[in-house]
Amino acid sequence: MQRYFVEEDLLSEGQSVTLEGEIFHHVSRVMRMQSGQEIYLVGGNQVAYVAEINRIDDKMLQARLLRRVEENKELPVTTTLFVCLPKGDKFDLIAQKTTELGVDYIVPVASRYAITKWTSQKAGKKISRLQKICQQAAEQSHRTVIPQVLDLMTVDQVAKSLQAYDGLLIAFEETAKAGQHGQLKESLKAVQAGQHLAFFFGPEGGIHPDEVACLIQAGSHVKLCSLGPRILRAETAPLYALTALSYELEL
């Protein structure tokens, strides 16, 4: 059954919801659905309902909420990914797949070794594109939350924000090379439901030692970690970390 996110809160059975714009186009033109067919709707209050289409006009349709769907599709912790700008369209893949894996916030980061640079104008367009990718992936993976792609930050800005998190794990290549593979497992085992955990991932060229030092100075809750004995690509590392978190907390 098709799933769509709407801005208004979904409150009770029998409520009528008007769908326009992209949702209307997808339902009526792409899926060619008719009155009487059912869809999933997720409201701004993160509540899901099965709804029946009961009216289709030229530019809008109406659906009536039939029954609430009790779901538990989200990780038991809040997760933020700080991702240094990767090359090409790799960020699209990261946004899509980490949404499927349960991320809550994605923060693009400008770093010293990153080849990719975003101007203010380019950043706005890129973030809008990534946000749309997250919404589509959230619909596909039957989530009740659309991850938020936040504004571009510098490493210094990230460091100043870290008191808001219960922990930050920095995926650091030199830690892997040194054979120190236990920190990720140890940190994930200590995570408790309701906490806010963040990860920091460098670009293809890695993280500059000065940037690592800047982040580490934020407090003892910031740890360096290895993502195993192999060196992962920039677009693979976030997927590995979230998969490990999901395994530890959900399986």
C-alpha atoms as a PDB file:
ATOM      1  CA  MET A   1       0.000   0.000   0.000  1.00  0.00           C
ATOM      2  CA  GLN A   2       1.339   3.430  -0.952  1.00  0.00           C
ATOM      3  CA  ARG A   3       2.479   5.686   1.906  1.00  0.00           C
ATOM      4  CA  TYR A   4       2.498   9.490   1.898  1.00  0.00           C
ATOM      5  CA  PHE A   5       3.514  12.140   4.427  1.00  0.00           C
ATOM      6  CA  VAL A   6       1.185  15.093   4.970  1.00  0.00           C
ATOM      7  CA  GLU A   7       1.827  18.265   6.973  1.00  0.00           C
ATOM      8  CA  GLU A   8      -1.421  18.377   8.943  1.00  0.00           C
ATOM      9  CA  ASP A   9      -1.942  16.319  12.083  1.00  0.00           C
ATOM     10  CA  LEU A  10      -4.012  13.157  11.716  1.00  0.00           C
ATOM     11  CA  LEU A  11      -6.317  13.031  14.723  1.00  0.00           C
ATOM     12  CA  SER A  12      -9.229  10.626  14.389  1.00  0.00           C
ATOM     13  CA  GLU A  13     -11.141   8.196  12.227  1.00  0.00           C
ATOM     14  CA  GLY A  14     -13.478   9.920   9.798  1.00  0.00           C
ATOM     15  CA  GLN A  15     -11.233  12.978   9.400  1.00  0.00           C
ATOM     16  CA  SER A  16     -11.107  14.243   5.811  1.00  0.00           C
ATOM     17  CA  VAL A  17      -7.673  15.069   4.364  1.00  0.00           C
ATOM     18  CA  THR A  18      -7.108  17.056   1.175  1.00  0.00           C
ATOM     19  CA  LEU A  19      -4.118  16.035  -0.948  1.00  0.00           C
ATOM     20  CA  GLU A  20      -2.668  18.341  -3.587  1.00  0.00           C
ATOM     21  CA  GLY A  21       0.581  18.945  -5.460  1.00  0.00           C
ATOM     22  CA  GLU A  22       3.077  16.102  -5.731  1.00  0.00           C
ATOM     23  CA  ILE A  23       1.018  13.661  -3.677  1.00  0.00           C
ATOM     24  CA  PHE A  24      -2.057  14.278  -5.830  1.00  0.00           C
ATOM     25  CA  HIS A  25       0.017  13.830  -8.992  1.00  0.00           C
ATOM     26  CA  HIS A  26       1.564  10.587  -7.771  1.00  0.00           C
ATOM     27  CA  VAL A  27      -1.717   9.086  -6.576  1.00  0.00           C
ATOM     28  CA  SER A  28      -3.867  10.066  -9.559  1.00  0.00           C
ATOM     29  CA  ARG A  29      -1.418  10.233 -12.468  1.00  0.00           C
ATOM     30  CA  VAL A  30       1.420   7.853 -11.615  1.00  0.00           C
ATOM     31  CA  MET A  31      -0.412   5.187  -9.598  1.00  0.00           C
ATOM     32  CA  ARG A  32      -3.742   5.877 -11.371  1.00  0.00           C
ATOM     33  CA  MET A  33      -5.663   5.153  -8.200  1.00  0.00           C
ATOM     34  CA  GLN A  34      -9.425   5.539  -8.059  1.00  0.00           C
ATOM     35  CA  SER A  35     -12.043   6.428  -5.471  1.00  0.00           C
ATOM     36  CA  GLY A  36     -12.493   3.583  -3.032  1.00  0.00           C
ATOM     37  CA  GLN A  37      -8.834   2.582  -2.979  1.00  0.00           C
ATOM     38  CA  GLU A  38      -6.765   2.816   0.195  1.00  0.00           C
ATOM     39  CA  ILE A  39      -3.469   4.522   1.010  1.00  0.00           C
ATOM     40  CA  TYR A  40      -1.326   5.056   4.107  1.00  0.00           C
ATOM     41  CA  LEU A  41      -1.039   8.617   5.382  1.00  0.00           C
ATOM     42  CA  VAL A  42       1.430   9.815   8.027  1.00  0.00           C
ATOM     43  CA  GLY A  43       0.632  13.166   9.632  1.00  0.00           C
ATOM     44  CA  GLY A  44       2.802  15.933  10.958  1.00  0.00           C
ATOM     45  CA  ASN A  45       2.201  14.430  14.405  1.00  0.00           C
ATOM     46  CA  GLN A  46       3.910  11.203  13.206  1.00  0.00           C
ATOM     47  CA  VAL A  47       0.690   9.216  13.439  1.00  0.00           C
ATOM     48  CA  ALA A  48      -0.218   6.806  10.621  1.00  0.00           C
ATOM     49  CA  TYR A  49      -3.680   5.998   9.297  1.00  0.00           C
ATOM     50  CA  VAL A  50      -5.139   3.894   6.538  1.00  0.00           C
ATOM     51  CA  ALA A  51      -7.258   6.258   4.441  1.00  0.00           C
ATOM     52  CA  GLU A  52      -9.787   5.711   1.668  1.00  0.00           C
ATOM     53  CA  ILE A  53      -9.834   7.956  -1.384  1.00  0.00           C
ATOM     54  CA  ASN A  54     -13.373   9.279  -1.713  1.00  0.00           C
ATOM     55  CA  ARG A  55     -13.015  12.131  -4.198  1.00  0.00           C
ATOM     56  CA  ILE A  56     -10.671  12.959  -7.074  1.00  0.00           C
ATOM     57  CA  ASP A  57     -10.853  16.285  -8.921  1.00  0.00           C
ATOM     58  CA  ASP A  58      -8.595  17.886 -11.526  1.00  0.00           C
ATOM     59  CA  LYS A  59      -6.034  19.235  -9.045  1.00  0.00           C
ATOM     60  CA  MET A  60      -6.818  17.631  -5.697  1.00  0.00           C
ATOM     61  CA  LEU A  61      -8.237  14.591  -4.005  1.00  0.00           C
ATOM     62  CA  GLN A  62      -9.800  13.882  -0.658  1.00  0.00           C
ATOM     63  CA  ALA A  63      -9.290  10.864   1.548  1.00  0.00           C
ATOM     64  CA  ARG A  64     -11.104   9.802   4.707  1.00  0.00           C
ATOM     65  CA  LEU A  65      -9.188   8.302   7.623  1.00  0.00           C
ATOM     66  CA  LEU A  66     -10.383   4.749   8.292  1.00  0.00           C
ATOM     67  CA  ARG A  67      -8.225   3.363  11.082  1.00  0.00           C
ATOM     68  CA  ARG A  68      -5.089   4.252  12.964  1.00  0.00           C
ATOM     69  CA  VAL A  69      -2.050   2.061  12.394  1.00  0.00           C
ATOM     70  CA  GLU A  70       0.074   1.394  15.467  1.00  0.00           C
ATOM     71  CA  GLU A  71       3.667   1.217  14.310  1.00  0.00           C
ATOM     72  CA  ASN A  72       7.112   1.056  15.869  1.00  0.00           C
ATOM     73  CA  LYS A  73       9.454   1.636  12.948  1.00  0.00           C
ATOM     74  CA  GLU A  74      11.928   4.071  14.530  1.00  0.00           C
ATOM     75  CA  LEU A  75      15.199   3.422  16.336  1.00  0.00           C
ATOM     76  CA  PRO A  76      14.905   3.689  20.136  1.00  0.00           C
ATOM     77  CA  VAL A  77      17.534   6.460  20.081  1.00  0.00           C
ATOM     78  CA  THR A  78      17.796   9.720  18.152  1.00  0.00           C
ATOM     79  CA  THR A  79      20.651   9.714  15.642  1.00  0.00           C
ATOM     80  CA  THR A  80      22.516  12.526  13.915  1.00  0.00           C
ATOM     81  CA  LEU A  81      25.075  12.017  11.164  1.00  0.00           C
ATOM     82  CA  PHE A  82      27.696  14.689  10.557  1.00  0.00           C
ATOM     83  CA  VAL A  83      28.868  13.939   7.017  1.00  0.00           C
ATOM     84  CA  CYS A  84      31.807  15.768   5.441  1.00  0.00           C
ATOM     85  CA  LEU A  85      30.974  16.581   1.828  1.00  0.00           C
ATOM     86  CA  PRO A  86      31.730  13.588  -0.424  1.00  0.00           C
ATOM     87  CA  LYS A  87      32.445  13.758  -4.133  1.00  0.00           C
ATOM     88  CA  GLY A  88      29.853  13.517  -6.910  1.00  0.00           C
ATOM     89  CA  ASP A  89      26.391  12.264  -6.069  1.00  0.00           C
ATOM     90  CA  LYS A  90      27.476  10.089  -3.142  1.00  0.00           C
ATOM     91  CA  PHE A  91      25.516  12.249  -0.700  1.00  0.00           C
ATOM     92  CA  ASP A  92      22.313  11.219  -2.496  1.00  0.00           C
ATOM     93  CA  LEU A  93      23.079   7.574  -1.722  1.00  0.00           C
ATOM     94  CA  ILE A  94      23.977   8.373   1.881  1.00  0.00           C
ATOM     95  CA  ALA A  95      20.708  10.271   2.405  1.00  0.00           C
ATOM     96  CA  GLN A  96      18.604   7.519   0.863  1.00  0.00           C
ATOM     97  CA  LYS A  97      20.168   4.546   2.600  1.00  0.00           C
ATOM     98  CA  THR A  98      20.616   6.095   6.042  1.00  0.00           C
ATOM     99  CA  THR A  99      16.949   7.093   5.933  1.00  0.00           C
ATOM    100  CA  GLU A 100      16.088   3.449   5.327  1.00  0.00           C
ATOM    101  CA  LEU A 101      18.319   2.551   8.281  1.00  0.00           C
ATOM    102  CA  GLY A 102      16.614   4.980  10.675  1.00  0.00           C
ATOM    103  CA  VAL A 103      18.628   8.213  10.851  1.00  0.00           C
ATOM    104  CA  ASP A 104      16.904  11.308  12.282  1.00  0.00           C
ATOM    105  CA  TYR A 105      19.207  14.180  11.272  1.00  0.00           C
ATOM    106  CA  ILE A 106      21.836  14.574   8.557  1.00  0.00           C
ATOM    107  CA  VAL A 107      24.278  17.475   8.755  1.00  0.00           C
ATOM    108  CA  PRO A 108      26.549  18.302   5.783  1.00  0.00           C
ATOM    109  CA  VAL A 109      29.983  19.422   6.970  1.00  0.00           C
ATOM    110  CA  ALA A 110      32.635  21.486   5.172  1.00  0.00           C
ATOM    111  CA  SER A 111      36.060  20.082   6.068  1.00  0.00           C
ATOM    112  CA  ARG A 112      39.700  20.652   5.158  1.00  0.00           C
ATOM    113  CA  TYR A 113      40.256  17.510   3.079  1.00  0.00           C
ATOM    114  CA  ALA A 114      36.885  17.603   1.294  1.00  0.00           C
ATOM    115  CA  ILE A 115      37.292  18.122  -2.458  1.00  0.00           C
ATOM    116  CA  THR A 116      33.653  19.127  -2.819  1.00  0.00           C
ATOM    117  CA  LYS A 117      32.805  22.713  -1.868  1.00  0.00           C
ATOM    118  CA  TRP A 118      29.330  24.219  -1.518  1.00  0.00           C
ATOM    119  CA  THR A 119      28.624  27.902  -2.000  1.00  0.00           C
ATOM    120  CA  SER A 120      25.674  29.359  -0.085  1.00  0.00           C
ATOM    121  CA  GLN A 121      23.493  29.149  -3.190  1.00  0.00           C
ATOM    122  CA  LYS A 122      24.612  25.621  -4.018  1.00  0.00           C
ATOM    123  CA  ALA A 123      24.104  24.492  -0.424  1.00  0.00           C
ATOM    124  CA  GLY A 124      20.450  25.532  -0.479  1.00  0.00           C
ATOM    125  CA  LYS A 125      19.750  23.566  -3.650  1.00  0.00           C
ATOM    126  CA  LYS A 126      21.675  20.518  -2.448  1.00  0.00           C
ATOM    127  CA  ILE A 127      19.905  20.442   0.910  1.00  0.00           C
ATOM    128  CA  SER A 128      16.483  20.719  -0.760  1.00  0.00           C
ATOM    129  CA  ARG A 129      17.384  17.810  -3.038  1.00  0.00           C
ATOM    130  CA  LEU A 130      18.636  15.689  -0.142  1.00  0.00           C
ATOM    131  CA  GLN A 131      15.495  16.468   1.874  1.00  0.00           C
ATOM    132  CA  LYS A 132      13.320  15.229  -0.974  1.00  0.00           C
ATOM    133  CA  ILE A 133      15.392  12.048  -1.224  1.00  0.00           C
ATOM    134  CA  CYS A 134      14.901  11.497   2.506  1.00  0.00           C
ATOM    135  CA  GLN A 135      11.138  11.904   2.200  1.00  0.00           C
ATOM    136  CA  GLN A 136      10.906   9.431  -0.675  1.00  0.00           C
ATOM    137  CA  ALA A 137      13.065   6.922   1.196  1.00  0.00           C
ATOM    138  CA  ALA A 138      11.000   7.367   4.373  1.00  0.00           C
ATOM    139  CA  GLU A 139       7.822   6.604   2.414  1.00  0.00           C
ATOM    140  CA  GLN A 140       9.399   3.556   0.780  1.00  0.00           C
ATOM    141  CA  SER A 141      10.718   2.168   4.073  1.00  0.00           C
ATOM    142  CA  HIS A 142       7.422   2.790   5.924  1.00  0.00           C
ATOM    143  CA  ARG A 143       8.849   5.174   8.482  1.00  0.00           C
ATOM    144  CA  THR A 144       6.763   7.589  10.520  1.00  0.00           C
ATOM    145  CA  VAL A 145       9.502  10.239  10.628  1.00  0.00           C
ATOM    146  CA  ILE A 146      11.188  12.059   7.751  1.00  0.00           C
ATOM    147  CA  PRO A 147      14.852  12.736   8.589  1.00  0.00           C
ATOM    148  CA  GLN A 148      15.825  16.397   8.534  1.00  0.00           C
ATOM    149  CA  VAL A 149      18.777  17.604   6.476  1.00  0.00           C
ATOM    150  CA  LEU A 150      20.204  20.564   8.371  1.00  0.00           C
ATOM    151  CA  ASP A 151      22.275  23.510   7.158  1.00  0.00           C
ATOM    152  CA  LEU A 152      25.915  23.145   6.171  1.00  0.00           C
ATOM    153  CA  MET A 153      28.283  23.449   9.141  1.00  0.00           C
ATOM    154  CA  THR A 154      32.028  23.815   9.641  1.00  0.00           C
ATOM    155  CA  VAL A 155      33.965  21.481  11.921  1.00  0.00           C
ATOM    156  CA  ASP A 156      34.290  24.295  14.466  1.00  0.00           C
ATOM    157  CA  GLN A 157      30.515  24.746  14.463  1.00  0.00           C
ATOM    158  CA  VAL A 158      30.038  21.015  14.931  1.00  0.00           C
ATOM    159  CA  ALA A 159      32.408  21.031  17.912  1.00  0.00           C
ATOM    160  CA  LYS A 160      30.474  23.867  19.551  1.00  0.00           C
ATOM    161  CA  SER A 161      27.199  21.940  19.168  1.00  0.00           C
ATOM    162  CA  LEU A 162      28.339  18.676  20.743  1.00  0.00           C
ATOM    163  CA  GLN A 163      27.072  19.339  24.267  1.00  0.00           C
ATOM    164  CA  ALA A 164      23.593  18.633  22.897  1.00  0.00           C
ATOM    165  CA  TYR A 165      24.468  14.951  22.362  1.00  0.00           C
ATOM    166  CA  ASP A 166      24.927  12.027  24.724  1.00  0.00           C
ATOM    167  CA  GLY A 167      27.804  10.790  22.599  1.00  0.00           C
ATOM    168  CA  LEU A 168      29.718  11.403  19.380  1.00  0.00           C
ATOM    169  CA  LEU A 169      31.616   8.648  17.587  1.00  0.00           C
ATOM    170  CA  ILE A 170      34.207   9.816  15.063  1.00  0.00           C
ATOM    171  CA  ALA A 171      34.949   7.256  12.351  1.00  0.00           C
ATOM    172  CA  PHE A 172      38.722   7.737  12.162  1.00  0.00           C
ATOM    173  CA  GLU A 173      40.863   5.875   9.643  1.00  0.00           C
ATOM    174  CA  GLU A 174      44.007   6.000  11.783  1.00  0.00           C
ATOM    175  CA  THR A 175      42.194   4.169  14.580  1.00  0.00           C
ATOM    176  CA  ALA A 176      41.418   1.358  12.142  1.00  0.00           C
ATOM    177  CA  LYS A 177      45.005   1.241  10.901  1.00  0.00           C
ATOM    178  CA  ALA A 178      46.229   0.935  14.484  1.00  0.00           C
ATOM    179  CA  GLY A 179      44.045  -2.136  14.943  1.00  0.00           C
ATOM    180  CA  GLN A 180      41.907  -0.559  17.664  1.00  0.00           C
ATOM    181  CA  HIS A 181      38.522  -2.017  16.788  1.00  0.00           C
ATOM    182  CA  GLY A 182      36.757  -2.246  20.145  1.00  0.00           C
ATOM    183  CA  GLN A 183      35.486   1.301  20.720  1.00  0.00           C
ATOM    184  CA  LEU A 184      32.475   1.129  18.377  1.00  0.00           C
ATOM    185  CA  LYS A 185      31.170  -2.071  19.930  1.00  0.00           C
ATOM    186  CA  GLU A 186      31.814  -0.810  23.454  1.00  0.00           C
ATOM    187  CA  SER A 187      30.093   2.522  22.796  1.00  0.00           C
ATOM    188  CA  LEU A 188      27.048   1.007  21.115  1.00  0.00           C
ATOM    189  CA  LYS A 189      26.551  -1.465  23.961  1.00  0.00           C
ATOM    190  CA  ALA A 190      26.415   1.476  26.374  1.00  0.00           C
ATOM    191  CA  VAL A 191      23.715   3.327  24.421  1.00  0.00           C
ATOM    192  CA  GLN A 192      20.373   3.578  26.202  1.00  0.00           C
ATOM    193  CA  ALA A 193      16.902   4.142  24.778  1.00  0.00           C
ATOM    194  CA  GLY A 194      16.010   7.818  24.538  1.00  0.00           C
ATOM    195  CA  GLN A 195      19.577   9.045  24.135  1.00  0.00           C
ATOM    196  CA  HIS A 196      20.824  11.200  21.245  1.00  0.00           C
ATOM    197  CA  LEU A 197      23.842   9.658  19.529  1.00  0.00           C
ATOM    198  CA  ALA A 198      25.876  11.353  16.804  1.00  0.00           C
ATOM    199  CA  PHE A 199      28.442  10.082  14.311  1.00  0.00           C
ATOM    200  CA  PHE A 200      31.071  12.044  12.392  1.00  0.00           C
ATOM    201  CA  PHE A 201      32.331  10.847   9.002  1.00  0.00           C
ATOM    202  CA  GLY A 202      35.166  12.343   6.987  1.00  0.00           C
ATOM    203  CA  PRO A 203      35.370  12.807   3.200  1.00  0.00           C
ATOM    204  CA  GLU A 204      37.409  10.680   0.789  1.00  0.00           C
ATOM    205  CA  GLY A 205      40.650  12.280   1.971  1.00  0.00           C
ATOM    206  CA  GLY A 206      39.958  11.599   5.629  1.00  0.00           C
ATOM    207  CA  ILE A 207      39.784  13.910   8.630  1.00  0.00           C
ATOM    208  CA  HIS A 208      42.620  16.333   9.331  1.00  0.00           C
ATOM    209  CA  PRO A 209      44.279  15.779  12.748  1.00  0.00           C
ATOM    210  CA  ASP A 210      43.499  19.375  13.741  1.00  0.00           C
ATOM    211  CA  GLU A 211      39.805  18.722  13.079  1.00  0.00           C
ATOM    212  CA  VAL A 212      39.929  15.563  15.188  1.00  0.00           C
ATOM    213  CA  ALA A 213      41.551  17.523  18.010  1.00  0.00           C
ATOM    214  CA  CYS A 214      38.886  20.228  17.750  1.00  0.00           C
ATOM    215  CA  LEU A 215      36.101  17.661  18.134  1.00  0.00           C
ATOM    216  CA  ILE A 216      37.799  15.688  20.909  1.00  0.00           C
ATOM    217  CA  GLN A 217      38.137  18.835  23.014  1.00  0.00           C
ATOM    218  CA  ALA A 218      34.337  19.048  23.230  1.00  0.00           C
ATOM    219  CA  GLY A 219      34.308  16.495  26.045  1.00  0.00           C
ATOM    220  CA  SER A 220      34.775  12.936  27.219  1.00  0.00           C
ATOM    221  CA  HIS A 221      31.595  11.850  25.432  1.00  0.00           C
ATOM    222  CA  VAL A 222      33.439  12.233  22.107  1.00  0.00           C
ATOM    223  CA  LYS A 223      35.245   9.043  21.062  1.00  0.00           C
ATOM    224  CA  LEU A 224      37.377   7.934  18.130  1.00  0.00           C
ATOM    225  CA  CYS A 225      36.320   4.616  16.665  1.00  0.00           C
ATOM    226  CA  SER A 226      37.203   2.155  13.949  1.00  0.00           C
ATOM    227  CA  LEU A 227      34.614   0.701  11.600  1.00  0.00           C
ATOM    228  CA  GLY A 228      36.425  -2.609  11.409  1.00  0.00           C
ATOM    229  CA  PRO A 229      39.736  -3.750   9.917  1.00  0.00           C
ATOM    230  CA  ARG A 230      38.951  -2.615   6.369  1.00  0.00           C
ATOM    231  CA  ILE A 231      39.002   0.958   5.077  1.00  0.00           C
ATOM    232  CA  LEU A 232      35.501   1.898   3.926  1.00  0.00           C
ATOM    233  CA  ARG A 233      34.474   4.358   1.244  1.00  0.00           C
ATOM    234  CA  ALA A 234      32.990   7.675   2.339  1.00  0.00           C
ATOM    235  CA  GLU A 235      29.518   6.564   1.251  1.00  0.00           C
ATOM    236  CA  THR A 236      29.809   3.157   2.965  1.00  0.00           C
ATOM    237  CA  ALA A 237      30.905   4.273   6.433  1.00  0.00           C
ATOM    238  CA  PRO A 238      27.583   5.874   7.522  1.00  0.00           C
ATOM    239  CA  LEU A 239      25.676   2.779   6.410  1.00  0.00           C
ATOM    240  CA  TYR A 240      28.024   0.504   8.347  1.00  0.00           C
ATOM    241  CA  ALA A 241      27.673   2.537  11.542  1.00  0.00           C
ATOM    242  CA  LEU A 242      23.868   2.704  11.446  1.00  0.00           C
ATOM    243  CA  THR A 243      23.628  -0.993  10.631  1.00  0.00           C
ATOM    244  CA  ALA A 244      25.798  -1.788  13.657  1.00  0.00           C
ATOM    245  CA  LEU A 245      23.596   0.449  15.826  1.00  0.00           C
ATOM    246  CA  SER A 246      20.426  -1.211  14.562  1.00  0.00           C
ATOM    247  CA  TYR A 247      21.869  -4.664  15.200  1.00  0.00           C
ATOM    248  CA  GLU A 248      22.804  -3.714  18.750  1.00  0.00           C
ATOM    249  CA  LEU A 249      19.465  -2.096  19.640  1.00  0.00           C
ATOM    250  CA  GLU A 250      16.828  -3.800  17.503  1.00  0.00           C
ATOM    251  CA  LEU A 251      17.839  -7.399  16.781  1.00  0.00           C
END
